[in-house]
Amino acid sequence: MKFLCSRHTQAIQSNPVKAGLYWQKLIDSGEHNLKQGNYYKAHQCLGGASEVASLMLKSQVLRWNKYSCIDMLVIACRKLQQTLSLLGYPTEATALEEELILQLENLSTNHQINVGLRTDAKTAIEYSELYEERVLVH
């Protein structure tokens, strides 16, 4: 599912500083909507955040640390999974996790990241979840 329009996609790809800020704004809005029980709006925000993180991870122009982008992607995908489950789509939530693992394994295979530092894709996901708990807790 596509969450960002072409205008937002282009803006993210051309402005690295705003990409991180936009990701944080989408995460904050998604979390707020989750707490308010507005799961459809949370789905849109968190889906957008996962797409932003994915674009940042793939970008050659953006000067983001790839591991920070992995953390951002995992955090957004985990929150999106939670939203999908709350909306009654457990199959889609499971498929999202499988897609995330595949994306991380592909990056490792193409030597764009070294998940060996985190053992494998699943360990990278676990590390990112710890990062979220310790660093991003409000």
N, C-alpha and C. Protein backbone atom coordinates (compact mmCIF):
# COMPACT_ATOMS: atom_id res chain seq x y z
N MET A 1 0.83 -1.18 0.00
CA MET A 1 0.00 0.00 0.00
C MET A 1 0.88 1.25 0.00
N LYS A 2 0.54 2.21 -0.81
CA LYS A 2 1.28 3.46 -0.92
C LYS A 2 0.62 4.49 -0.01
N PHE A 3 1.43 5.16 0.80
CA PHE A 3 0.92 6.14 1.75
C PHE A 3 1.26 7.57 1.36
N LEU A 4 2.38 7.77 0.68
CA LEU A 4 2.81 9.11 0.32
C LEU A 4 2.51 9.41 -1.14
N CYS A 5 2.06 10.62 -1.39
CA CYS A 5 1.85 11.03 -2.79
C CYS A 5 3.21 11.33 -3.42
N SER A 6 3.23 11.50 -4.72
CA SER A 6 4.49 11.73 -5.42
C SER A 6 5.16 13.03 -4.98
N ARG A 7 4.38 14.03 -4.65
CA ARG A 7 4.93 15.31 -4.20
C ARG A 7 5.69 15.14 -2.88
N HIS A 8 5.09 14.42 -1.93
CA HIS A 8 5.76 14.19 -0.64
C HIS A 8 6.98 13.28 -0.82
N THR A 9 6.87 12.29 -1.66
CA THR A 9 8.00 11.40 -1.92
C THR A 9 9.19 12.19 -2.47
N GLN A 10 8.93 13.05 -3.43
CA GLN A 10 9.99 13.86 -4.03
C GLN A 10 10.58 14.83 -3.00
N ALA A 11 9.74 15.42 -2.18
CA ALA A 11 10.22 16.35 -1.15
C ALA A 11 11.14 15.65 -0.16
N ILE A 12 10.79 14.42 0.22
CA ILE A 12 11.61 13.64 1.16
C ILE A 12 12.95 13.30 0.53
N GLN A 13 12.92 12.90 -0.71
CA GLN A 13 14.15 12.50 -1.39
C GLN A 13 15.08 13.69 -1.63
N SER A 14 14.53 14.87 -1.76
CA SER A 14 15.37 16.03 -2.06
C SER A 14 15.78 16.84 -0.84
N ASN A 15 15.18 16.57 0.31
CA ASN A 15 15.49 17.37 1.49
C ASN A 15 15.73 16.47 2.70
N PRO A 16 16.99 16.08 2.92
CA PRO A 16 17.30 15.13 3.99
C PRO A 16 16.94 15.61 5.39
N VAL A 17 17.06 16.90 5.66
CA VAL A 17 16.76 17.40 6.98
C VAL A 17 15.27 17.26 7.28
N LYS A 18 14.46 17.62 6.31
CA LYS A 18 13.02 17.55 6.51
C LYS A 18 12.51 16.11 6.57
N ALA A 19 13.23 15.19 5.96
CA ALA A 19 12.79 13.79 5.96
C ALA A 19 12.69 13.26 7.39
N GLY A 20 13.73 13.49 8.18
CA GLY A 20 13.72 13.03 9.57
C GLY A 20 12.67 13.73 10.40
N LEU A 21 12.50 15.02 10.18
CA LEU A 21 11.48 15.78 10.90
C LEU A 21 10.08 15.31 10.53
N TYR A 22 9.88 15.04 9.25
CA TYR A 22 8.57 14.56 8.78
C TYR A 22 8.28 13.17 9.37
N TRP A 23 9.29 12.31 9.43
CA TRP A 23 9.11 10.99 10.04
C TRP A 23 8.64 11.14 11.48
N GLN A 24 9.33 12.00 12.25
CA GLN A 24 8.96 12.19 13.66
C GLN A 24 7.55 12.73 13.79
N LYS A 25 7.18 13.66 12.93
CA LYS A 25 5.83 14.23 12.96
C LYS A 25 4.79 13.13 12.70
N LEU A 26 5.05 12.28 11.73
CA LEU A 26 4.12 11.19 11.41
C LEU A 26 4.03 10.18 12.55
N ILE A 27 5.16 9.85 13.17
CA ILE A 27 5.17 8.92 14.31
C ILE A 27 4.36 9.52 15.47
N ASP A 28 4.62 10.78 15.79
CA ASP A 28 3.90 11.43 16.90
C ASP A 28 2.40 11.49 16.64
N SER A 29 2.04 11.84 15.42
CA SER A 29 0.62 11.90 15.06
C SER A 29 -0.02 10.51 15.09
N GLY A 30 0.71 9.52 14.59
CA GLY A 30 0.21 8.15 14.62
C GLY A 30 -0.01 7.64 16.03
N GLU A 31 0.95 7.91 16.92
CA GLU A 31 0.81 7.50 18.32
C GLU A 31 -0.36 8.21 18.99
N HIS A 32 -0.50 9.48 18.71
CA HIS A 32 -1.62 10.25 19.28
C HIS A 32 -2.96 9.66 18.84
N ASN A 33 -3.06 9.37 17.54
CA ASN A 33 -4.30 8.80 17.02
C ASN A 33 -4.56 7.40 17.56
N LEU A 34 -3.51 6.62 17.78
CA LEU A 34 -3.67 5.30 18.40
C LEU A 34 -4.27 5.45 19.80
N LYS A 35 -3.73 6.37 20.58
CA LYS A 35 -4.21 6.60 21.95
C LYS A 35 -5.66 7.08 21.95
N GLN A 36 -6.03 7.83 20.92
CA GLN A 36 -7.39 8.37 20.83
C GLN A 36 -8.38 7.36 20.26
N GLY A 37 -7.87 6.23 19.78
CA GLY A 37 -8.73 5.21 19.19
C GLY A 37 -9.09 5.47 17.74
N ASN A 38 -8.42 6.45 17.12
CA ASN A 38 -8.65 6.75 15.71
C ASN A 38 -7.66 5.92 14.89
N TYR A 39 -7.97 4.63 14.76
CA TYR A 39 -7.04 3.68 14.15
C TYR A 39 -6.83 3.91 12.67
N TYR A 40 -7.86 4.39 11.96
CA TYR A 40 -7.70 4.63 10.52
C TYR A 40 -6.67 5.75 10.30
N LYS A 41 -6.79 6.84 11.05
CA LYS A 41 -5.85 7.96 10.92
C LYS A 41 -4.45 7.52 11.36
N ALA A 42 -4.38 6.73 12.44
CA ALA A 42 -3.09 6.20 12.90
C ALA A 42 -2.45 5.36 11.80
N HIS A 43 -3.26 4.55 11.13
CA HIS A 43 -2.78 3.70 10.03
C HIS A 43 -2.14 4.55 8.93
N GLN A 44 -2.80 5.64 8.57
CA GLN A 44 -2.27 6.51 7.52
C GLN A 44 -0.95 7.15 7.95
N CYS A 45 -0.90 7.66 9.18
CA CYS A 45 0.32 8.33 9.66
C CYS A 45 1.48 7.35 9.79
N LEU A 46 1.23 6.21 10.40
CA LEU A 46 2.30 5.24 10.63
C LEU A 46 2.74 4.57 9.33
N GLY A 47 1.81 4.39 8.42
CA GLY A 47 2.18 3.89 7.09
C GLY A 47 3.08 4.88 6.37
N GLY A 48 2.74 6.17 6.50
CA GLY A 48 3.57 7.22 5.92
C GLY A 48 4.95 7.24 6.55
N ALA A 49 5.01 7.07 7.87
CA ALA A 49 6.30 7.06 8.57
C ALA A 49 7.17 5.90 8.12
N SER A 50 6.55 4.74 7.91
CA SER A 50 7.34 3.59 7.46
C SER A 50 7.84 3.81 6.03
N GLU A 51 7.04 4.47 5.22
CA GLU A 51 7.46 4.76 3.85
C GLU A 51 8.59 5.80 3.84
N VAL A 52 8.50 6.80 4.70
CA VAL A 52 9.57 7.81 4.81
C VAL A 52 10.88 7.13 5.21
N ALA A 53 10.82 6.28 6.24
CA ALA A 53 12.03 5.59 6.70
C ALA A 53 12.60 4.70 5.61
N SER A 54 11.74 4.03 4.87
CA SER A 54 12.19 3.17 3.78
C SER A 54 12.89 3.99 2.69
N LEU A 55 12.32 5.14 2.35
CA LEU A 55 12.94 6.02 1.36
C LEU A 55 14.30 6.52 1.85
N MET A 56 14.37 6.87 3.13
CA MET A 56 15.63 7.34 3.70
C MET A 56 16.68 6.23 3.65
N LEU A 57 16.26 5.01 3.94
CA LEU A 57 17.18 3.88 3.96
C LEU A 57 17.73 3.58 2.56
N LYS A 58 16.90 3.76 1.56
CA LYS A 58 17.31 3.46 0.18
C LYS A 58 18.07 4.60 -0.48
N SER A 59 17.97 5.79 0.06
CA SER A 59 18.52 6.97 -0.58
C SER A 59 20.04 7.00 -0.56
N GLN A 60 20.61 7.39 -1.66
CA GLN A 60 22.05 7.61 -1.75
C GLN A 60 22.37 9.07 -1.45
N VAL A 61 21.37 9.93 -1.59
CA VAL A 61 21.56 11.37 -1.40
C VAL A 61 21.51 11.72 0.08
N LEU A 62 20.58 11.10 0.79
CA LEU A 62 20.42 11.43 2.19
C LEU A 62 21.63 10.99 2.98
N ARG A 63 22.06 11.79 3.90
CA ARG A 63 23.27 11.49 4.67
C ARG A 63 22.93 10.95 6.05
N TRP A 64 21.93 10.12 6.09
CA TRP A 64 21.53 9.53 7.36
C TRP A 64 22.33 8.27 7.60
N ASN A 65 22.63 8.03 8.86
CA ASN A 65 23.24 6.77 9.25
C ASN A 65 22.25 5.66 8.92
N LYS A 66 22.69 4.67 8.18
CA LYS A 66 21.79 3.58 7.75
C LYS A 66 21.16 2.86 8.94
N TYR A 67 21.91 2.75 10.04
CA TYR A 67 21.36 2.04 11.19
C TYR A 67 20.28 2.87 11.89
N SER A 68 20.41 4.18 11.86
CA SER A 68 19.34 5.03 12.38
C SER A 68 18.09 4.86 11.53
N CYS A 69 18.28 4.75 10.22
CA CYS A 69 17.14 4.55 9.32
C CYS A 69 16.48 3.19 9.57
N ILE A 70 17.29 2.17 9.87
CA ILE A 70 16.73 0.86 10.20
C ILE A 70 15.87 0.98 11.45
N ASP A 71 16.40 1.67 12.47
CA ASP A 71 15.63 1.86 13.69
C ASP A 71 14.32 2.57 13.40
N MET A 72 14.38 3.61 12.58
CA MET A 72 13.18 4.37 12.24
C MET A 72 12.17 3.49 11.50
N LEU A 73 12.67 2.67 10.57
CA LEU A 73 11.80 1.79 9.81
C LEU A 73 11.14 0.75 10.71
N VAL A 74 11.93 0.14 11.58
CA VAL A 74 11.39 -0.89 12.47
C VAL A 74 10.35 -0.29 13.42
N ILE A 75 10.66 0.86 13.99
CA ILE A 75 9.71 1.50 14.90
C ILE A 75 8.40 1.79 14.19
N ALA A 76 8.47 2.37 13.00
CA ALA A 76 7.25 2.70 12.25
C ALA A 76 6.48 1.43 11.88
N CYS A 77 7.19 0.40 11.44
CA CYS A 77 6.51 -0.85 11.05
C CYS A 77 5.87 -1.54 12.24
N ARG A 78 6.53 -1.53 13.38
CA ARG A 78 5.96 -2.16 14.59
C ARG A 78 4.67 -1.45 14.99
N LYS A 79 4.68 -0.13 14.96
CA LYS A 79 3.48 0.63 15.32
C LYS A 79 2.39 0.42 14.27
N LEU A 80 2.79 0.31 13.02
CA LEU A 80 1.82 0.04 11.95
C LEU A 80 1.22 -1.35 12.12
N GLN A 81 2.03 -2.32 12.51
CA GLN A 81 1.52 -3.67 12.79
C GLN A 81 0.47 -3.64 13.89
N GLN A 82 0.76 -2.90 14.94
CA GLN A 82 -0.19 -2.77 16.05
C GLN A 82 -1.52 -2.20 15.54
N THR A 83 -1.42 -1.17 14.71
CA THR A 83 -2.62 -0.54 14.17
C THR A 83 -3.41 -1.50 13.29
N LEU A 84 -2.70 -2.25 12.44
CA LEU A 84 -3.38 -3.22 11.58
C LEU A 84 -4.11 -4.27 12.42
N SER A 85 -3.49 -4.71 13.48
CA SER A 85 -4.14 -5.68 14.36
C SER A 85 -5.40 -5.09 15.00
N LEU A 86 -5.30 -3.84 15.46
CA LEU A 86 -6.45 -3.18 16.07
C LEU A 86 -7.58 -2.94 15.07
N LEU A 87 -7.22 -2.77 13.80
CA LEU A 87 -8.21 -2.59 12.75
C LEU A 87 -8.82 -3.92 12.30
N GLY A 88 -8.27 -5.03 12.81
CA GLY A 88 -8.80 -6.35 12.46
C GLY A 88 -8.14 -6.99 11.26
N TYR A 89 -6.88 -6.64 11.01
CA TYR A 89 -6.13 -7.20 9.88
C TYR A 89 -4.87 -7.92 10.36
N PRO A 90 -5.01 -9.02 11.10
CA PRO A 90 -3.82 -9.71 11.62
C PRO A 90 -2.95 -10.32 10.52
N THR A 91 -3.56 -10.76 9.44
CA THR A 91 -2.78 -11.34 8.34
C THR A 91 -1.86 -10.29 7.72
N GLU A 92 -2.38 -9.09 7.54
CA GLU A 92 -1.59 -8.00 6.98
C GLU A 92 -0.48 -7.58 7.94
N ALA A 93 -0.77 -7.63 9.25
CA ALA A 93 0.25 -7.30 10.25
C ALA A 93 1.41 -8.29 10.18
N THR A 94 1.10 -9.57 10.03
CA THR A 94 2.14 -10.60 9.91
C THR A 94 2.92 -10.43 8.61
N ALA A 95 2.22 -10.13 7.54
CA ALA A 95 2.89 -9.93 6.24
C ALA A 95 3.83 -8.73 6.29
N LEU A 96 3.45 -7.71 7.05
CA LEU A 96 4.31 -6.53 7.18
C LEU A 96 5.63 -6.90 7.86
N GLU A 97 5.58 -7.72 8.88
CA GLU A 97 6.81 -8.15 9.55
C GLU A 97 7.69 -8.97 8.60
N GLU A 98 7.08 -9.85 7.83
CA GLU A 98 7.84 -10.66 6.87
C GLU A 98 8.49 -9.76 5.81
N GLU A 99 7.77 -8.74 5.38
CA GLU A 99 8.30 -7.80 4.39
C GLU A 99 9.47 -7.01 4.98
N LEU A 100 9.35 -6.62 6.24
CA LEU A 100 10.41 -5.88 6.92
C LEU A 100 11.68 -6.73 7.02
N ILE A 101 11.53 -7.98 7.43
CA ILE A 101 12.68 -8.88 7.53
C ILE A 101 13.33 -9.07 6.16
N LEU A 102 12.53 -9.26 5.14
CA LEU A 102 13.06 -9.42 3.79
C LEU A 102 13.82 -8.18 3.34
N GLN A 103 13.28 -7.01 3.62
CA GLN A 103 13.95 -5.77 3.23
C GLN A 103 15.31 -5.64 3.92
N LEU A 104 15.37 -5.97 5.19
CA LEU A 104 16.64 -5.89 5.91
C LEU A 104 17.63 -6.94 5.40
N GLU A 105 17.14 -8.13 5.12
CA GLU A 105 18.03 -9.17 4.59
C GLU A 105 18.55 -8.79 3.21
N ASN A 106 17.72 -8.16 2.38
CA ASN A 106 18.17 -7.71 1.06
C ASN A 106 19.24 -6.64 1.18
N LEU A 107 19.08 -5.73 2.11
CA LEU A 107 20.10 -4.70 2.32
C LEU A 107 21.41 -5.34 2.76
N SER A 108 21.33 -6.34 3.59
CA SER A 108 22.53 -7.04 4.05
C SER A 108 23.20 -7.79 2.91
N THR A 109 22.38 -8.49 2.12
CA THR A 109 22.90 -9.25 0.99
C THR A 109 23.60 -8.35 -0.01
N ASN A 110 23.06 -7.16 -0.21
CA ASN A 110 23.65 -6.20 -1.15
C ASN A 110 24.76 -5.38 -0.52
N HIS A 111 25.15 -5.72 0.70
CA HIS A 111 26.24 -5.07 1.42
C HIS A 111 25.99 -3.59 1.66
N GLN A 112 24.72 -3.20 1.71
CA GLN A 112 24.41 -1.82 2.03
C GLN A 112 24.39 -1.60 3.54
N ILE A 113 24.16 -2.68 4.27
CA ILE A 113 24.25 -2.64 5.73
C ILE A 113 24.93 -3.92 6.18
N ASN A 114 25.44 -3.90 7.38
CA ASN A 114 26.06 -5.09 7.94
C ASN A 114 25.23 -5.53 9.14
N VAL A 115 24.19 -6.32 8.88
CA VAL A 115 23.39 -6.79 10.00
C VAL A 115 24.19 -7.79 10.82
N GLY A 116 25.38 -8.14 10.35
CA GLY A 116 26.25 -8.99 11.14
C GLY A 116 26.59 -8.35 12.48
N LEU A 117 26.57 -7.02 12.49
CA LEU A 117 26.77 -6.32 13.75
C LEU A 117 25.63 -6.61 14.71
N ARG A 118 24.50 -6.99 14.15
CA ARG A 118 23.32 -7.30 14.96
C ARG A 118 22.88 -8.74 14.71
N THR A 119 23.74 -9.54 14.15
CA THR A 119 23.60 -10.97 13.87
C THR A 119 22.74 -11.25 12.65
N ASP A 120 21.48 -10.84 12.63
CA ASP A 120 20.62 -11.09 11.48
C ASP A 120 19.48 -10.07 11.50
N ALA A 121 18.58 -10.19 10.53
CA ALA A 121 17.50 -9.22 10.42
C ALA A 121 16.61 -9.21 11.66
N LYS A 122 16.31 -10.39 12.20
CA LYS A 122 15.44 -10.45 13.38
C LYS A 122 16.12 -9.79 14.58
N THR A 123 17.41 -9.97 14.72
CA THR A 123 18.13 -9.32 15.81
C THR A 123 18.15 -7.81 15.60
N ALA A 124 18.27 -7.37 14.36
CA ALA A 124 18.21 -5.94 14.06
C ALA A 124 16.87 -5.36 14.50
N ILE A 125 15.81 -6.11 14.30
CA ILE A 125 14.48 -5.67 14.72
C ILE A 125 14.41 -5.59 16.24
N GLU A 126 14.93 -6.60 16.92
CA GLU A 126 14.93 -6.60 18.38
C GLU A 126 15.76 -5.43 18.91
N TYR A 127 16.90 -5.16 18.30
CA TYR A 127 17.75 -4.05 18.71
C TYR A 127 17.00 -2.73 18.55
N SER A 128 16.31 -2.57 17.44
CA SER A 128 15.56 -1.35 17.18
C SER A 128 14.44 -1.15 18.19
N GLU A 129 13.83 -2.25 18.61
CA GLU A 129 12.78 -2.14 19.61
C GLU A 129 13.36 -1.69 20.95
N LEU A 130 14.54 -2.19 21.31
CA LEU A 130 15.21 -1.73 22.52
C LEU A 130 15.57 -0.26 22.41
N TYR A 131 16.03 0.15 21.22
CA TYR A 131 16.36 1.56 20.97
C TYR A 131 15.13 2.41 21.21
N GLU A 132 14.00 1.98 20.71
CA GLU A 132 12.77 2.75 20.89
C GLU A 132 12.43 2.86 22.37
N GLU A 133 12.52 1.76 23.09
CA GLU A 133 12.17 1.76 24.52
C GLU A 133 13.10 2.68 25.32
N ARG A 134 14.36 2.71 24.99
CA ARG A 134 15.34 3.45 25.80
C ARG A 134 15.52 4.89 25.36
N VAL A 135 15.42 5.16 24.07
CA VAL A 135 15.76 6.48 23.56
C VAL A 135 14.55 7.32 23.19
N LEU A 136 13.56 6.70 22.56
CA LEU A 136 12.46 7.49 22.03
C LEU A 136 11.25 7.57 22.95
N VAL A 137 11.31 6.98 24.12
CA VAL A 137 10.17 7.04 25.03
C VAL A 137 9.99 8.50 25.45
N HIS A 138 8.76 8.95 25.35
CA HIS A 138 8.47 10.37 25.67
C HIS A 138 8.33 10.55 27.15
